[in-house]
Amino acid sequence: MDAIEWRDYIVSDPAVLGGKPILKGTRLSVEFVLELLAAGWSQGSLQENYPNLTAERIRAVLAYAAETFREERFYLLPPAGSAA
């Protein structure tokens, strides 16, 4: 399966949802789709409830998330109030 170019499907517009990344032509944010997937929604459930959410668009959301995290750096901090 070929890698999908998420930039063909995801845009950010300050006038829509405060600039959150959304699926082009919709008001569905990347965050919202990821939350549904994390909650256990299947691709079929997503498409049944949001017919314009194609398999390609779902893959684009996942590709966007993967690329975003690939560029991030995470640092573990000790819990608040604990002695270092």
PDB file of N, CA and C in Angstrom:
ATOM      1  N   MET A   1       0.844  -1.176   0.000  1.00  0.00           N
ATOM      2  CA  MET A   1       0.000   0.000   0.000  1.00  0.00           C
ATOM      3  C   MET A   1       0.892   1.244   0.000  1.00  0.00           C
ATOM      4  N   ASP A   2       0.582   2.187  -0.841  1.00  0.00           N
ATOM      5  CA  ASP A   2       1.372   3.407  -0.939  1.00  0.00           C
ATOM      6  C   ASP A   2       1.070   4.343   0.216  1.00  0.00           C
ATOM      7  N   ALA A   3       2.099   5.102   0.601  1.00  0.00           N
ATOM      8  CA  ALA A   3       1.910   6.126   1.628  1.00  0.00           C
ATOM      9  C   ALA A   3       0.987   7.212   1.079  1.00  0.00           C
ATOM     10  N   ILE A   4       0.168   7.736   1.935  1.00  0.00           N
ATOM     11  CA  ILE A   4      -0.779   8.776   1.514  1.00  0.00           C
ATOM     12  C   ILE A   4      -0.185  10.156   1.817  1.00  0.00           C
ATOM     13  N   GLU A   5      -0.439  11.101   0.964  1.00  0.00           N
ATOM     14  CA  GLU A   5       0.021  12.470   1.172  1.00  0.00           C
ATOM     15  C   GLU A   5      -1.068  13.217   1.936  1.00  0.00           C
ATOM     16  N   TRP A   6      -0.883  13.360   3.242  1.00  0.00           N
ATOM     17  CA  TRP A   6      -1.935  13.946   4.083  1.00  0.00           C
ATOM     18  C   TRP A   6      -2.228  15.381   3.699  1.00  0.00           C
ATOM     19  N   ARG A   7      -1.280  16.087   3.123  1.00  0.00           N
ATOM     20  CA  ARG A   7      -1.498  17.494   2.742  1.00  0.00           C
ATOM     21  C   ARG A   7      -2.582  17.655   1.675  1.00  0.00           C
ATOM     22  N   ASP A   8      -2.891  16.585   0.975  1.00  0.00           N
ATOM     23  CA  ASP A   8      -3.974  16.622  -0.011  1.00  0.00           C
ATOM     24  C   ASP A   8      -5.350  16.603   0.658  1.00  0.00           C
ATOM     25  N   TYR A   9      -5.401  16.237   1.945  1.00  0.00           N
ATOM     26  CA  TYR A   9      -6.664  16.035   2.638  1.00  0.00           C
ATOM     27  C   TYR A   9      -6.860  16.932   3.857  1.00  0.00           C
ATOM     28  N   ILE A  10      -5.791  17.448   4.420  1.00  0.00           N
ATOM     29  CA  ILE A  10      -5.878  18.179   5.689  1.00  0.00           C
ATOM     30  C   ILE A  10      -5.394  19.607   5.499  1.00  0.00           C
ATOM     31  N   VAL A  11      -6.180  20.530   6.032  1.00  0.00           N
ATOM     32  CA  VAL A  11      -5.840  21.952   5.953  1.00  0.00           C
ATOM     33  C   VAL A  11      -6.041  22.589   7.326  1.00  0.00           C
ATOM     34  N   SER A  12      -5.521  23.777   7.461  1.00  0.00           N
ATOM     35  CA  SER A  12      -5.725  24.553   8.678  1.00  0.00           C
ATOM     36  C   SER A  12      -6.097  25.966   8.262  1.00  0.00           C
ATOM     37  N   ASP A  13      -7.241  26.432   8.756  1.00  0.00           N
ATOM     38  CA  ASP A  13      -7.749  27.760   8.416  1.00  0.00           C
ATOM     39  C   ASP A  13      -8.136  28.444   9.720  1.00  0.00           C
ATOM     40  N   PRO A  14      -7.529  29.589  10.030  1.00  0.00           N
ATOM     41  CA  PRO A  14      -7.851  30.275  11.285  1.00  0.00           C
ATOM     42  C   PRO A  14      -9.337  30.590  11.443  1.00  0.00           C
ATOM     43  N   ALA A  15     -10.078  30.647  10.344  1.00  0.00           N
ATOM     44  CA  ALA A  15     -11.508  30.958  10.402  1.00  0.00           C
ATOM     45  C   ALA A  15     -12.371  29.729  10.680  1.00  0.00           C
ATOM     46  N   VAL A  16     -11.766  28.540  10.687  1.00  0.00           N
ATOM     47  CA  VAL A  16     -12.527  27.304  10.914  1.00  0.00           C
ATOM     48  C   VAL A  16     -11.949  26.583  12.127  1.00  0.00           C
ATOM     49  N   LEU A  17     -12.775  26.374  13.121  1.00  0.00           N
ATOM     50  CA  LEU A  17     -12.394  25.678  14.360  1.00  0.00           C
ATOM     51  C   LEU A  17     -11.119  26.249  14.984  1.00  0.00           C
ATOM     52  N   GLY A  18     -10.968  27.547  14.902  1.00  0.00           N
ATOM     53  CA  GLY A  18      -9.823  28.208  15.533  1.00  0.00           C
ATOM     54  C   GLY A  18      -8.478  27.813  14.951  1.00  0.00           C
ATOM     55  N   GLY A  19      -8.475  27.328  13.714  1.00  0.00           N
ATOM     56  CA  GLY A  19      -7.220  26.970  13.068  1.00  0.00           C
ATOM     57  C   GLY A  19      -6.766  25.540  13.288  1.00  0.00           C
ATOM     58  N   LYS A  20      -7.593  24.731  13.973  1.00  0.00           N
ATOM     59  CA  LYS A  20      -7.228  23.323  14.157  1.00  0.00           C
ATOM     60  C   LYS A  20      -7.134  22.656  12.786  1.00  0.00           C
ATOM     61  N   PRO A  21      -6.254  21.674  12.637  1.00  0.00           N
ATOM     62  CA  PRO A  21      -6.210  20.924  11.380  1.00  0.00           C
ATOM     63  C   PRO A  21      -7.535  20.193  11.172  1.00  0.00           C
ATOM     64  N   ILE A  22      -8.103  20.360   9.981  1.00  0.00           N
ATOM     65  CA  ILE A  22      -9.383  19.718   9.644  1.00  0.00           C
ATOM     66  C   ILE A  22      -9.260  18.997   8.316  1.00  0.00           C
ATOM     67  N   LEU A  23     -10.209  18.117   8.061  1.00  0.00           N
ATOM     68  CA  LEU A  23     -10.286  17.472   6.758  1.00  0.00           C
ATOM     69  C   LEU A  23     -10.884  18.462   5.775  1.00  0.00           C
ATOM     70  N   LYS A  24     -10.197  18.654   4.680  1.00  0.00           N
ATOM     71  CA  LYS A  24     -10.569  19.619   3.656  1.00  0.00           C
ATOM     72  C   LYS A  24     -12.043  19.472   3.286  1.00  0.00           C
ATOM     73  N   GLY A  25     -12.757  20.597   3.262  1.00  0.00           N
ATOM     74  CA  GLY A  25     -14.162  20.596   2.867  1.00  0.00           C
ATOM     75  C   GLY A  25     -15.127  20.167   3.954  1.00  0.00           C
ATOM     76  N   THR A  26     -14.623  19.977   5.183  1.00  0.00           N
ATOM     77  CA  THR A  26     -15.480  19.562   6.299  1.00  0.00           C
ATOM     78  C   THR A  26     -15.165  20.430   7.513  1.00  0.00           C
ATOM     79  N   ARG A  27     -15.893  20.183   8.583  1.00  0.00           N
ATOM     80  CA  ARG A  27     -15.571  20.776   9.874  1.00  0.00           C
ATOM     81  C   ARG A  27     -15.126  19.669  10.839  1.00  0.00           C
ATOM     82  N   LEU A  28     -14.653  18.556  10.285  1.00  0.00           N
ATOM     83  CA  LEU A  28     -14.155  17.449  11.096  1.00  0.00           C
ATOM     84  C   LEU A  28     -12.675  17.671  11.366  1.00  0.00           C
ATOM     85  N   SER A  29     -12.334  17.847  12.632  1.00  0.00           N
ATOM     86  CA  SER A  29     -10.928  18.063  12.975  1.00  0.00           C
ATOM     87  C   SER A  29     -10.192  16.726  13.041  1.00  0.00           C
ATOM     88  N   VAL A  30      -8.896  16.806  12.808  1.00  0.00           N
ATOM     89  CA  VAL A  30      -8.026  15.641  12.957  1.00  0.00           C
ATOM     90  C   VAL A  30      -8.155  15.105  14.378  1.00  0.00           C
ATOM     91  N   GLU A  31      -8.154  15.995  15.337  1.00  0.00           N
ATOM     92  CA  GLU A  31      -8.278  15.623  16.746  1.00  0.00           C
ATOM     93  C   GLU A  31      -9.553  14.798  16.987  1.00  0.00           C
ATOM     94  N   PHE A  32     -10.677  15.249  16.425  1.00  0.00           N
ATOM     95  CA  PHE A  32     -11.953  14.567  16.612  1.00  0.00           C
ATOM     96  C   PHE A  32     -11.905  13.148  16.046  1.00  0.00           C
ATOM     97  N   VAL A  33     -11.370  13.009  14.852  1.00  0.00           N
ATOM     98  CA  VAL A  33     -11.302  11.681  14.222  1.00  0.00           C
ATOM     99  C   VAL A  33     -10.387  10.770  15.038  1.00  0.00           C
ATOM    100  N   LEU A  34      -9.258  11.293  15.498  1.00  0.00           N
ATOM    101  CA  LEU A  34      -8.359  10.488  16.330  1.00  0.00           C
ATOM    102  C   LEU A  34      -9.027  10.073  17.633  1.00  0.00           C
ATOM    103  N   GLU A  35      -9.803  10.975  18.238  1.00  0.00           N
ATOM    104  CA  GLU A  35     -10.518  10.633  19.475  1.00  0.00           C
ATOM    105  C   GLU A  35     -11.523   9.506  19.236  1.00  0.00           C
ATOM    106  N   LEU A  36     -12.224   9.560  18.106  1.00  0.00           N
ATOM    107  CA  LEU A  36     -13.171   8.490  17.795  1.00  0.00           C
ATOM    108  C   LEU A  36     -12.456   7.160  17.596  1.00  0.00           C
ATOM    109  N   LEU A  37     -11.341   7.184  16.883  1.00  0.00           N
ATOM    110  CA  LEU A  37     -10.568   5.960  16.691  1.00  0.00           C
ATOM    111  C   LEU A  37     -10.058   5.432  18.027  1.00  0.00           C
ATOM    112  N   ALA A  38      -9.579   6.320  18.893  1.00  0.00           N
ATOM    113  CA  ALA A  38      -9.089   5.912  20.215  1.00  0.00           C
ATOM    114  C   ALA A  38     -10.207   5.345  21.080  1.00  0.00           C
ATOM    115  N   ALA A  39     -11.429   5.802  20.839  1.00  0.00           N
ATOM    116  CA  ALA A  39     -12.582   5.313  21.600  1.00  0.00           C
ATOM    117  C   ALA A  39     -13.080   3.964  21.074  1.00  0.00           C
ATOM    118  N   GLY A  40     -12.439   3.465  20.013  1.00  0.00           N
ATOM    119  CA  GLY A  40     -12.796   2.140  19.511  1.00  0.00           C
ATOM    120  C   GLY A  40     -13.690   2.121  18.284  1.00  0.00           C
ATOM    121  N   TRP A  41     -13.959   3.292  17.717  1.00  0.00           N
ATOM    122  CA  TRP A  41     -14.774   3.318  16.502  1.00  0.00           C
ATOM    123  C   TRP A  41     -14.013   2.645  15.370  1.00  0.00           C
ATOM    124  N   SER A  42     -14.707   1.813  14.630  1.00  0.00           N
ATOM    125  CA  SER A  42     -14.105   1.162  13.463  1.00  0.00           C
ATOM    126  C   SER A  42     -14.216   2.086  12.255  1.00  0.00           C
ATOM    127  N   GLN A  43     -13.485   1.764  11.214  1.00  0.00           N
ATOM    128  CA  GLN A  43     -13.583   2.541   9.984  1.00  0.00           C
ATOM    129  C   GLN A  43     -15.024   2.514   9.467  1.00  0.00           C
ATOM    130  N   GLY A  44     -15.671   1.368   9.574  1.00  0.00           N
ATOM    131  CA  GLY A  44     -17.063   1.251   9.135  1.00  0.00           C
ATOM    132  C   GLY A  44     -17.992   2.156   9.925  1.00  0.00           C
ATOM    133  N   SER A  45     -17.807   2.213  11.241  1.00  0.00           N
ATOM    134  CA  SER A  45     -18.635   3.078  12.082  1.00  0.00           C
ATOM    135  C   SER A  45     -18.415   4.542  11.741  1.00  0.00           C
ATOM    136  N   LEU A  46     -17.154   4.906  11.525  1.00  0.00           N
ATOM    137  CA  LEU A  46     -16.850   6.284  11.143  1.00  0.00           C
ATOM    138  C   LEU A  46     -17.557   6.652   9.840  1.00  0.00           C
ATOM    139  N   GLN A  47     -17.453   5.779   8.852  1.00  0.00           N
ATOM    140  CA  GLN A  47     -18.021   6.066   7.545  1.00  0.00           C
ATOM    141  C   GLN A  47     -19.549   6.033   7.569  1.00  0.00           C
ATOM    142  N   GLU A  48     -20.121   5.209   8.423  1.00  0.00           N
ATOM    143  CA  GLU A  48     -21.583   5.160   8.542  1.00  0.00           C
ATOM    144  C   GLU A  48     -22.115   6.458   9.144  1.00  0.00           C
ATOM    145  N   ASN A  49     -21.420   6.975  10.135  1.00  0.00           N
ATOM    146  CA  ASN A  49     -21.854   8.196  10.814  1.00  0.00           C
ATOM    147  C   ASN A  49     -21.402   9.471  10.118  1.00  0.00           C
ATOM    148  N   TYR A  50     -20.318   9.392   9.389  1.00  0.00           N
ATOM    149  CA  TYR A  50     -19.761  10.545   8.659  1.00  0.00           C
ATOM    150  C   TYR A  50     -19.438  10.079   7.232  1.00  0.00           C
ATOM    151  N   PRO A  51     -20.449  10.038   6.354  1.00  0.00           N
ATOM    152  CA  PRO A  51     -20.275   9.468   5.014  1.00  0.00           C
ATOM    153  C   PRO A  51     -19.158  10.101   4.185  1.00  0.00           C
ATOM    154  N   ASN A  52     -18.817  11.355   4.454  1.00  0.00           N
ATOM    155  CA  ASN A  52     -17.741  11.977   3.686  1.00  0.00           C
ATOM    156  C   ASN A  52     -16.358  11.629   4.231  1.00  0.00           C
ATOM    157  N   LEU A  53     -16.301  10.796   5.247  1.00  0.00           N
ATOM    158  CA  LEU A  53     -15.043  10.361   5.836  1.00  0.00           C
ATOM    159  C   LEU A  53     -14.599   9.064   5.150  1.00  0.00           C
ATOM    160  N   THR A  54     -13.916   9.224   4.027  1.00  0.00           N
ATOM    161  CA  THR A  54     -13.486   8.083   3.221  1.00  0.00           C
ATOM    162  C   THR A  54     -12.302   7.373   3.859  1.00  0.00           C
ATOM    163  N   ALA A  55     -11.997   6.200   3.348  1.00  0.00           N
ATOM    164  CA  ALA A  55     -10.837   5.451   3.831  1.00  0.00           C
ATOM    165  C   ALA A  55      -9.566   6.269   3.643  1.00  0.00           C
ATOM    166  N   GLU A  56      -9.465   6.988   2.529  1.00  0.00           N
ATOM    167  CA  GLU A  56      -8.287   7.815   2.270  1.00  0.00           C
ATOM    168  C   GLU A  56      -8.175   8.941   3.297  1.00  0.00           C
ATOM    169  N   ARG A  57      -9.288   9.539   3.643  1.00  0.00           N
ATOM    170  CA  ARG A  57      -9.259  10.624   4.628  1.00  0.00           C
ATOM    171  C   ARG A  57      -8.855  10.107   6.004  1.00  0.00           C
ATOM    172  N   ILE A  58      -9.318   8.932   6.372  1.00  0.00           N
ATOM    173  CA  ILE A  58      -8.935   8.333   7.654  1.00  0.00           C
ATOM    174  C   ILE A  58      -7.434   8.051   7.655  1.00  0.00           C
ATOM    175  N   ARG A  59      -6.922   7.510   6.566  1.00  0.00           N
ATOM    176  CA  ARG A  59      -5.475   7.271   6.448  1.00  0.00           C
ATOM    177  C   ARG A  59      -4.694   8.577   6.520  1.00  0.00           C
ATOM    178  N   ALA A  60      -5.235   9.642   5.924  1.00  0.00           N
ATOM    179  CA  ALA A  60      -4.569  10.944   5.961  1.00  0.00           C
ATOM    180  C   ALA A  60      -4.470  11.457   7.394  1.00  0.00           C
ATOM    181  N   VAL A  61      -5.524  11.259   8.185  1.00  0.00           N
ATOM    182  CA  VAL A  61      -5.505  11.661   9.597  1.00  0.00           C
ATOM    183  C   VAL A  61      -4.388  10.916  10.332  1.00  0.00           C
ATOM    184  N   LEU A  62      -4.284   9.631  10.099  1.00  0.00           N
ATOM    185  CA  LEU A  62      -3.246   8.840  10.762  1.00  0.00           C
ATOM    186  C   LEU A  62      -1.853   9.238  10.283  1.00  0.00           C
ATOM    187  N   ALA A  63      -1.698   9.513   8.995  1.00  0.00           N
ATOM    188  CA  ALA A  63      -0.410   9.946   8.461  1.00  0.00           C
ATOM    189  C   ALA A  63      -0.014  11.296   9.040  1.00  0.00           C
ATOM    190  N   TYR A  64      -0.980  12.195   9.176  1.00  0.00           N
ATOM    191  CA  TYR A  64      -0.716  13.513   9.768  1.00  0.00           C
ATOM    192  C   TYR A  64      -0.232  13.347  11.211  1.00  0.00           C
ATOM    193  N   ALA A  65      -0.930  12.515  11.981  1.00  0.00           N
ATOM    194  CA  ALA A  65      -0.554  12.291  13.377  1.00  0.00           C
ATOM    195  C   ALA A  65       0.848  11.679  13.464  1.00  0.00           C
ATOM    196  N   ALA A  66       1.134  10.715  12.615  1.00  0.00           N
ATOM    197  CA  ALA A  66       2.450  10.068  12.629  1.00  0.00           C
ATOM    198  C   ALA A  66       3.548  11.078  12.328  1.00  0.00           C
ATOM    199  N   GLU A  67       3.345  11.912  11.312  1.00  0.00           N
ATOM    200  CA  GLU A  67       4.367  12.893  10.973  1.00  0.00           C
ATOM    201  C   GLU A  67       4.530  13.936  12.068  1.00  0.00           C
ATOM    202  N   THR A  68       3.439  14.345  12.664  1.00  0.00           N
ATOM    203  CA  THR A  68       3.502  15.327  13.746  1.00  0.00           C
ATOM    204  C   THR A  68       4.327  14.788  14.908  1.00  0.00           C
ATOM    205  N   PHE A  69       4.085  13.544  15.298  1.00  0.00           N
ATOM    206  CA  PHE A  69       4.815  12.971  16.416  1.00  0.00           C
ATOM    207  C   PHE A  69       6.255  12.648  16.067  1.00  0.00           C
ATOM    208  N   ARG A  70       6.517  12.371  14.819  1.00  0.00           N
ATOM    209  CA  ARG A  70       7.887  12.086  14.391  1.00  0.00           C
ATOM    210  C   ARG A  70       8.775  13.316  14.619  1.00  0.00           C
ATOM    211  N   GLU A  71       8.210  14.498  14.508  1.00  0.00           N
ATOM    212  CA  GLU A  71       8.965  15.734  14.648  1.00  0.00           C
ATOM    213  C   GLU A  71       9.001  16.258  16.086  1.00  0.00           C
ATOM    214  N   GLU A  72       8.269  15.644  16.997  1.00  0.00           N
ATOM    215  CA  GLU A  72       8.190  16.099  18.388  1.00  0.00           C
ATOM    216  C   GLU A  72       9.289  15.469  19.232  1.00  0.00           C
ATOM    217  N   ARG A  73       9.640  16.155  20.292  1.00  0.00           N
ATOM    218  CA  ARG A  73      10.547  15.622  21.305  1.00  0.00           C
ATOM    219  C   ARG A  73       9.815  15.635  22.629  1.00  0.00           C
ATOM    220  N   PHE A  74       9.920  14.545  23.370  1.00  0.00           N
ATOM    221  CA  PHE A  74       9.226  14.425  24.636  1.00  0.00           C
ATOM    222  C   PHE A  74      10.236  14.272  25.760  1.00  0.00           C
ATOM    223  N   TYR A  75       9.980  14.948  26.844  1.00  0.00           N
ATOM    224  CA  TYR A  75      10.843  14.878  28.010  1.00  0.00           C
ATOM    225  C   TYR A  75       9.988  14.512  29.209  1.00  0.00           C
ATOM    226  N   LEU A  76      10.369  13.438  29.889  1.00  0.00           N
ATOM    227  CA  LEU A  76       9.633  13.017  31.069  1.00  0.00           C
ATOM    228  C   LEU A  76      10.071  13.857  32.252  1.00  0.00           C
ATOM    229  N   LEU A  77       9.108  14.407  32.938  1.00  0.00           N
ATOM    230  CA  LEU A  77       9.365  15.195  34.129  1.00  0.00           C
ATOM    231  C   LEU A  77       8.875  14.427  35.335  1.00  0.00           C
ATOM    232  N   PRO A  78       9.542  14.593  36.481  1.00  0.00           N
ATOM    233  CA  PRO A  78       9.052  13.898  37.679  1.00  0.00           C
ATOM    234  C   PRO A  78       7.687  14.473  38.065  1.00  0.00           C
ATOM    235  N   PRO A  79       6.848  13.662  38.692  1.00  0.00           N
ATOM    236  CA  PRO A  79       5.529  14.148  39.121  1.00  0.00           C
ATOM    237  C   PRO A  79       5.674  15.362  40.032  1.00  0.00           C
ATOM    238  N   ALA A  80       4.734  16.264  39.974  1.00  0.00           N
ATOM    239  CA  ALA A  80       4.758  17.471  40.809  1.00  0.00           C
ATOM    240  C   ALA A  80       4.820  17.071  42.290  1.00  0.00           C
ATOM    241  N   GLY A  81       5.655  17.752  43.031  1.00  0.00           N
ATOM    242  CA  GLY A  81       5.731  17.505  44.471  1.00  0.00           C
ATOM    243  C   GLY A  81       6.689  16.393  44.854  1.00  0.00           C
ATOM    244  N   SER A  82       7.280  15.697  43.893  1.00  0.00           N
ATOM    245  CA  SER A  82       8.220  14.623  44.250  1.00  0.00           C
ATOM    246  C   SER A  82       9.637  15.175  44.299  1.00  0.00           C
ATOM    247  N   ALA A  83      10.435  14.564  45.124  1.00  0.00           N
ATOM    248  CA  ALA A  83      11.844  14.968  45.236  1.00  0.00           C
ATOM    249  C   ALA A  83      12.596  14.450  44.028  1.00  0.00           C
ATOM    250  N   ALA A  84      13.389  15.294  43.450  1.00  0.00           N
ATOM    251  CA  ALA A  84      14.148  14.884  42.260  1.00  0.00           C
ATOM    252  C   ALA A  84      15.422  14.180  42.641  1.00  0.00           C
TER     253      ALA A  84
END
